[in-house]
Amino acid sequence: MPADPAIDLVALLRRGLVQVVRFQSPEGAEVECATSSGLIRLTVPSDIVLVVGRPYRLRVSHIPDHGDLVVYPTLRLLGSITPPPQTDPFSFAIPLHFVPEDFEDLAEG
């Protein structure tokens, strides 16, 4: 389903109803995010706008140095960053890093 062009995303960002999240690492990994609009596929690094308070089921795959490992974390934003006035709200993304230790622990069981 295509996004509604009438939605003012900047206004939603400034009101704290949605938040830009930047998947930063590991570079090259693929992240799939299940949303009410459907499945969104991203290659890290990438940005996505998520609704604050709603849980999102993720699928992380093609993780460098971890073979066929696939993980299914859940992400829920409990708050948002309010950008200063007169700035681009898209430049105030919350960085999200999956660190190697996360994947090593999961691979070991």
N, C-alpha and C. Protein backbone atom coordinates (compact mmCIF):
# COMPACT_ATOMS: atom_id res chain seq x y z
N MET A 1 0.85 -1.17 0.00
CA MET A 1 0.00 0.00 0.00
C MET A 1 0.90 1.24 0.00
N PRO A 2 0.73 2.16 -0.96
CA PRO A 2 1.57 3.35 -1.00
C PRO A 2 1.25 4.30 0.15
N ALA A 3 2.25 5.09 0.52
CA ALA A 3 2.07 6.06 1.60
C ALA A 3 1.10 7.15 1.16
N ASP A 4 0.34 7.68 2.10
CA ASP A 4 -0.61 8.75 1.82
C ASP A 4 0.15 10.05 1.65
N PRO A 5 0.10 10.68 0.45
CA PRO A 5 0.87 11.91 0.24
C PRO A 5 0.37 13.08 1.07
N ALA A 6 -0.85 12.98 1.64
CA ALA A 6 -1.39 14.07 2.44
C ALA A 6 -0.79 14.10 3.84
N ILE A 7 -0.10 13.06 4.24
CA ILE A 7 0.49 13.01 5.58
C ILE A 7 1.68 13.95 5.64
N ASP A 8 1.69 14.83 6.62
CA ASP A 8 2.80 15.76 6.82
C ASP A 8 3.80 15.11 7.77
N LEU A 9 4.77 14.43 7.20
CA LEU A 9 5.74 13.67 7.99
C LEU A 9 6.56 14.59 8.90
N VAL A 10 6.91 15.76 8.42
CA VAL A 10 7.69 16.69 9.24
C VAL A 10 6.90 17.10 10.47
N ALA A 11 5.60 17.36 10.31
CA ALA A 11 4.77 17.72 11.46
C ALA A 11 4.70 16.57 12.46
N LEU A 12 4.57 15.34 11.97
CA LEU A 12 4.54 14.18 12.87
C LEU A 12 5.86 14.03 13.61
N LEU A 13 6.99 14.28 12.92
CA LEU A 13 8.30 14.22 13.56
C LEU A 13 8.42 15.29 14.65
N ARG A 14 8.01 16.49 14.34
CA ARG A 14 8.12 17.60 15.30
C ARG A 14 7.21 17.40 16.52
N ARG A 15 6.10 16.69 16.34
CA ARG A 15 5.19 16.42 17.45
C ARG A 15 5.61 15.19 18.25
N GLY A 16 6.63 14.47 17.79
CA GLY A 16 7.11 13.30 18.52
C GLY A 16 6.27 12.06 18.32
N LEU A 17 5.43 12.04 17.30
CA LEU A 17 4.59 10.87 17.04
C LEU A 17 5.31 9.80 16.24
N VAL A 18 6.29 10.22 15.46
CA VAL A 18 7.12 9.29 14.71
C VAL A 18 8.57 9.69 14.92
N GLN A 19 9.48 8.78 14.60
CA GLN A 19 10.91 9.03 14.81
C GLN A 19 11.70 8.37 13.70
N VAL A 20 12.72 9.08 13.21
CA VAL A 20 13.65 8.48 12.25
C VAL A 20 14.63 7.61 13.03
N VAL A 21 14.80 6.37 12.58
CA VAL A 21 15.76 5.45 13.16
C VAL A 21 16.78 5.12 12.08
N ARG A 22 18.05 5.20 12.43
CA ARG A 22 19.13 4.91 11.48
C ARG A 22 19.82 3.62 11.88
N PHE A 23 19.60 2.57 11.08
CA PHE A 23 20.33 1.32 11.27
C PHE A 23 21.75 1.57 10.77
N GLN A 24 22.75 1.52 11.67
CA GLN A 24 24.11 1.90 11.31
C GLN A 24 25.09 0.73 11.18
N SER A 25 24.85 -0.33 11.91
CA SER A 25 25.79 -1.44 11.81
C SER A 25 25.08 -2.74 12.15
N PRO A 26 25.56 -3.84 11.60
CA PRO A 26 26.75 -3.99 10.77
C PRO A 26 26.45 -3.64 9.31
N GLU A 27 27.37 -2.90 8.71
CA GLU A 27 27.19 -2.49 7.32
C GLU A 27 27.05 -3.70 6.42
N GLY A 28 26.10 -3.60 5.50
CA GLY A 28 25.85 -4.68 4.55
C GLY A 28 24.79 -5.67 4.99
N ALA A 29 24.46 -5.68 6.27
CA ALA A 29 23.39 -6.58 6.74
C ALA A 29 22.07 -6.13 6.14
N GLU A 30 21.11 -7.04 6.08
CA GLU A 30 19.79 -6.70 5.60
C GLU A 30 18.81 -6.73 6.77
N VAL A 31 17.96 -5.73 6.82
CA VAL A 31 16.94 -5.63 7.87
C VAL A 31 15.58 -5.58 7.19
N GLU A 32 14.69 -6.44 7.64
CA GLU A 32 13.30 -6.39 7.20
C GLU A 32 12.47 -5.97 8.40
N CYS A 33 11.56 -5.05 8.17
CA CYS A 33 10.72 -4.52 9.24
C CYS A 33 9.26 -4.70 8.84
N ALA A 34 8.52 -5.42 9.67
CA ALA A 34 7.09 -5.61 9.43
C ALA A 34 6.34 -4.40 9.95
N THR A 35 5.61 -3.72 9.05
CA THR A 35 4.82 -2.54 9.42
C THR A 35 3.38 -2.77 9.03
N SER A 36 2.52 -1.88 9.45
CA SER A 36 1.11 -1.99 9.07
C SER A 36 0.92 -1.78 7.57
N SER A 37 1.90 -1.17 6.92
CA SER A 37 1.85 -0.95 5.47
C SER A 37 2.46 -2.10 4.68
N GLY A 38 3.08 -3.04 5.38
CA GLY A 38 3.72 -4.17 4.71
C GLY A 38 5.15 -4.33 5.17
N LEU A 39 5.88 -5.13 4.42
CA LEU A 39 7.27 -5.44 4.77
C LEU A 39 8.21 -4.44 4.10
N ILE A 40 9.11 -3.86 4.89
CA ILE A 40 10.10 -2.91 4.37
C ILE A 40 11.46 -3.58 4.47
N ARG A 41 12.19 -3.60 3.35
CA ARG A 41 13.53 -4.19 3.31
C ARG A 41 14.57 -3.08 3.18
N LEU A 42 15.59 -3.16 4.04
CA LEU A 42 16.66 -2.16 4.05
C LEU A 42 18.01 -2.85 4.05
N THR A 43 19.00 -2.19 3.49
CA THR A 43 20.39 -2.64 3.62
C THR A 43 21.09 -1.62 4.50
N VAL A 44 21.77 -2.09 5.52
CA VAL A 44 22.44 -1.23 6.49
C VAL A 44 23.68 -0.61 5.84
N PRO A 45 23.90 0.70 5.95
CA PRO A 45 23.17 1.68 6.74
C PRO A 45 21.95 2.21 5.98
N SER A 46 20.86 2.42 6.71
CA SER A 46 19.61 2.95 6.15
C SER A 46 18.78 3.61 7.24
N ASP A 47 17.90 4.51 6.81
CA ASP A 47 16.98 5.18 7.72
C ASP A 47 15.56 4.68 7.48
N ILE A 48 14.77 4.70 8.54
CA ILE A 48 13.35 4.35 8.45
C ILE A 48 12.62 5.23 9.45
N VAL A 49 11.39 5.61 9.14
CA VAL A 49 10.55 6.38 10.07
C VAL A 49 9.57 5.41 10.71
N LEU A 50 9.59 5.38 12.06
CA LEU A 50 8.73 4.46 12.81
C LEU A 50 7.82 5.24 13.75
N VAL A 51 6.66 4.66 14.04
CA VAL A 51 5.71 5.26 14.97
C VAL A 51 6.19 4.98 16.40
N VAL A 52 6.22 6.01 17.22
CA VAL A 52 6.63 5.88 18.62
C VAL A 52 5.59 5.06 19.37
N GLY A 53 6.07 4.10 20.16
CA GLY A 53 5.21 3.29 21.01
C GLY A 53 4.75 1.98 20.38
N ARG A 54 4.88 1.83 19.10
CA ARG A 54 4.42 0.62 18.41
C ARG A 54 5.58 -0.38 18.33
N PRO A 55 5.33 -1.65 18.65
CA PRO A 55 6.41 -2.64 18.50
C PRO A 55 6.58 -3.04 17.04
N TYR A 56 7.83 -3.24 16.65
CA TYR A 56 8.15 -3.67 15.29
C TYR A 56 8.96 -4.95 15.35
N ARG A 57 8.56 -5.91 14.57
CA ARG A 57 9.28 -7.18 14.46
C ARG A 57 10.26 -7.04 13.32
N LEU A 58 11.53 -7.33 13.60
CA LEU A 58 12.60 -7.21 12.61
C LEU A 58 13.14 -8.58 12.24
N ARG A 59 13.71 -8.66 11.06
CA ARG A 59 14.47 -9.83 10.63
C ARG A 59 15.80 -9.29 10.14
N VAL A 60 16.89 -9.71 10.76
CA VAL A 60 18.23 -9.25 10.38
C VAL A 60 18.97 -10.45 9.80
N SER A 61 19.44 -10.29 8.57
CA SER A 61 20.11 -11.39 7.87
C SER A 61 21.30 -10.84 7.06
N HIS A 62 22.00 -11.76 6.39
CA HIS A 62 23.19 -11.40 5.60
C HIS A 62 24.18 -10.59 6.45
N ILE A 63 24.36 -11.07 7.67
CA ILE A 63 25.22 -10.39 8.64
C ILE A 63 26.67 -10.73 8.32
N PRO A 64 27.50 -9.72 8.03
CA PRO A 64 28.89 -10.00 7.69
C PRO A 64 29.58 -10.84 8.77
N ASP A 65 30.34 -11.82 8.34
CA ASP A 65 31.13 -12.71 9.21
C ASP A 65 30.28 -13.64 10.08
N HIS A 66 28.99 -13.79 9.75
CA HIS A 66 28.14 -14.68 10.54
C HIS A 66 27.32 -15.64 9.69
N GLY A 67 27.79 -15.92 8.50
CA GLY A 67 27.20 -16.96 7.65
C GLY A 67 25.71 -16.82 7.47
N ASP A 68 25.00 -17.89 7.79
CA ASP A 68 23.55 -17.94 7.58
C ASP A 68 22.74 -17.51 8.80
N LEU A 69 23.38 -16.91 9.78
CA LEU A 69 22.67 -16.48 10.99
C LEU A 69 21.59 -15.46 10.64
N VAL A 70 20.40 -15.70 11.14
CA VAL A 70 19.27 -14.78 11.00
C VAL A 70 18.70 -14.56 12.39
N VAL A 71 18.47 -13.30 12.76
CA VAL A 71 17.92 -12.99 14.08
C VAL A 71 16.63 -12.20 13.91
N TYR A 72 15.77 -12.29 14.92
CA TYR A 72 14.44 -11.69 14.88
C TYR A 72 14.20 -10.81 16.11
N PRO A 73 14.90 -9.68 16.21
CA PRO A 73 14.66 -8.82 17.36
C PRO A 73 13.36 -8.03 17.22
N THR A 74 12.87 -7.54 18.36
CA THR A 74 11.71 -6.65 18.38
C THR A 74 12.20 -5.28 18.81
N LEU A 75 11.69 -4.25 18.15
CA LEU A 75 12.08 -2.88 18.43
C LEU A 75 10.83 -2.08 18.79
N ARG A 76 10.92 -1.33 19.87
CA ARG A 76 9.82 -0.45 20.27
C ARG A 76 10.41 0.86 20.76
N LEU A 77 10.02 1.96 20.14
CA LEU A 77 10.50 3.27 20.55
C LEU A 77 9.64 3.78 21.70
N LEU A 78 10.29 4.14 22.80
CA LEU A 78 9.56 4.62 23.96
C LEU A 78 9.49 6.14 24.01
N GLY A 79 10.21 6.80 23.13
CA GLY A 79 10.23 8.26 23.08
C GLY A 79 10.81 8.70 21.76
N SER A 80 10.97 10.00 21.63
CA SER A 80 11.52 10.53 20.39
C SER A 80 12.47 11.68 20.69
N ILE A 81 13.23 12.05 19.70
CA ILE A 81 14.13 13.20 19.79
C ILE A 81 13.42 14.37 19.13
N THR A 82 13.28 15.47 19.86
CA THR A 82 12.64 16.65 19.28
C THR A 82 13.73 17.54 18.69
N PRO A 83 13.74 17.67 17.37
CA PRO A 83 14.77 18.50 16.76
C PRO A 83 14.54 19.98 17.04
N PRO A 84 15.62 20.75 17.09
CA PRO A 84 15.46 22.20 17.30
C PRO A 84 14.68 22.82 16.13
N PRO A 85 13.99 23.91 16.39
CA PRO A 85 13.28 24.59 15.29
C PRO A 85 14.26 24.99 14.19
N GLN A 86 13.76 25.12 13.01
CA GLN A 86 14.53 25.56 11.85
C GLN A 86 15.63 24.59 11.44
N THR A 87 15.53 23.34 11.87
CA THR A 87 16.50 22.32 11.44
C THR A 87 15.74 21.20 10.73
N ASP A 88 16.48 20.44 9.98
CA ASP A 88 15.90 19.32 9.26
C ASP A 88 15.66 18.18 10.26
N PRO A 89 14.40 17.82 10.53
CA PRO A 89 14.15 16.77 11.52
C PRO A 89 14.70 15.41 11.10
N PHE A 90 14.94 15.22 9.81
CA PHE A 90 15.49 13.95 9.34
C PHE A 90 16.97 13.80 9.71
N SER A 91 17.61 14.90 10.11
CA SER A 91 19.01 14.81 10.53
C SER A 91 19.15 14.44 12.00
N PHE A 92 18.03 14.18 12.68
CA PHE A 92 18.04 13.80 14.10
C PHE A 92 17.53 12.38 14.26
N ALA A 93 18.21 11.47 13.60
CA ALA A 93 17.83 10.05 13.68
C ALA A 93 18.40 9.42 14.95
N ILE A 94 17.68 8.45 15.47
CA ILE A 94 18.20 7.65 16.58
C ILE A 94 19.07 6.56 15.96
N PRO A 95 20.37 6.52 16.31
CA PRO A 95 21.24 5.48 15.74
C PRO A 95 20.99 4.13 16.41
N LEU A 96 20.95 3.09 15.60
CA LEU A 96 20.78 1.74 16.13
C LEU A 96 21.92 0.88 15.60
N HIS A 97 22.66 0.31 16.52
CA HIS A 97 23.79 -0.56 16.18
C HIS A 97 23.55 -1.95 16.73
N PHE A 98 23.73 -2.94 15.88
CA PHE A 98 23.86 -4.31 16.35
C PHE A 98 25.35 -4.57 16.41
N VAL A 99 25.86 -4.90 17.57
CA VAL A 99 27.31 -5.08 17.73
C VAL A 99 27.68 -6.55 17.54
N PRO A 100 28.93 -6.82 17.17
CA PRO A 100 29.35 -8.21 16.93
C PRO A 100 29.05 -9.14 18.10
N GLU A 101 29.18 -8.65 19.33
CA GLU A 101 28.90 -9.50 20.49
C GLU A 101 27.46 -9.99 20.50
N ASP A 102 26.53 -9.18 20.01
CA ASP A 102 25.13 -9.61 19.93
C ASP A 102 25.03 -10.87 19.09
N PHE A 103 25.64 -10.86 17.92
CA PHE A 103 25.54 -11.97 17.00
C PHE A 103 26.35 -13.18 17.47
N GLU A 104 27.51 -12.93 18.11
CA GLU A 104 28.31 -14.05 18.62
C GLU A 104 27.56 -14.80 19.70
N ASP A 105 26.91 -14.06 20.61
CA ASP A 105 26.12 -14.70 21.66
C ASP A 105 24.98 -15.52 21.08
N LEU A 106 24.31 -14.98 20.07
CA LEU A 106 23.20 -15.70 19.45
C LEU A 106 23.67 -16.92 18.68
N ALA A 107 24.81 -16.81 18.00
CA ALA A 107 25.32 -17.93 17.22
C ALA A 107 25.72 -19.10 18.13
N GLU A 108 26.17 -18.78 19.35
CA GLU A 108 26.57 -19.83 20.29
C GLU A 108 25.36 -20.48 20.96
N GLY A 109 24.21 -19.85 20.87
CA GLY A 109 23.00 -20.42 21.46
C GLY A 109 22.81 -19.94 22.83
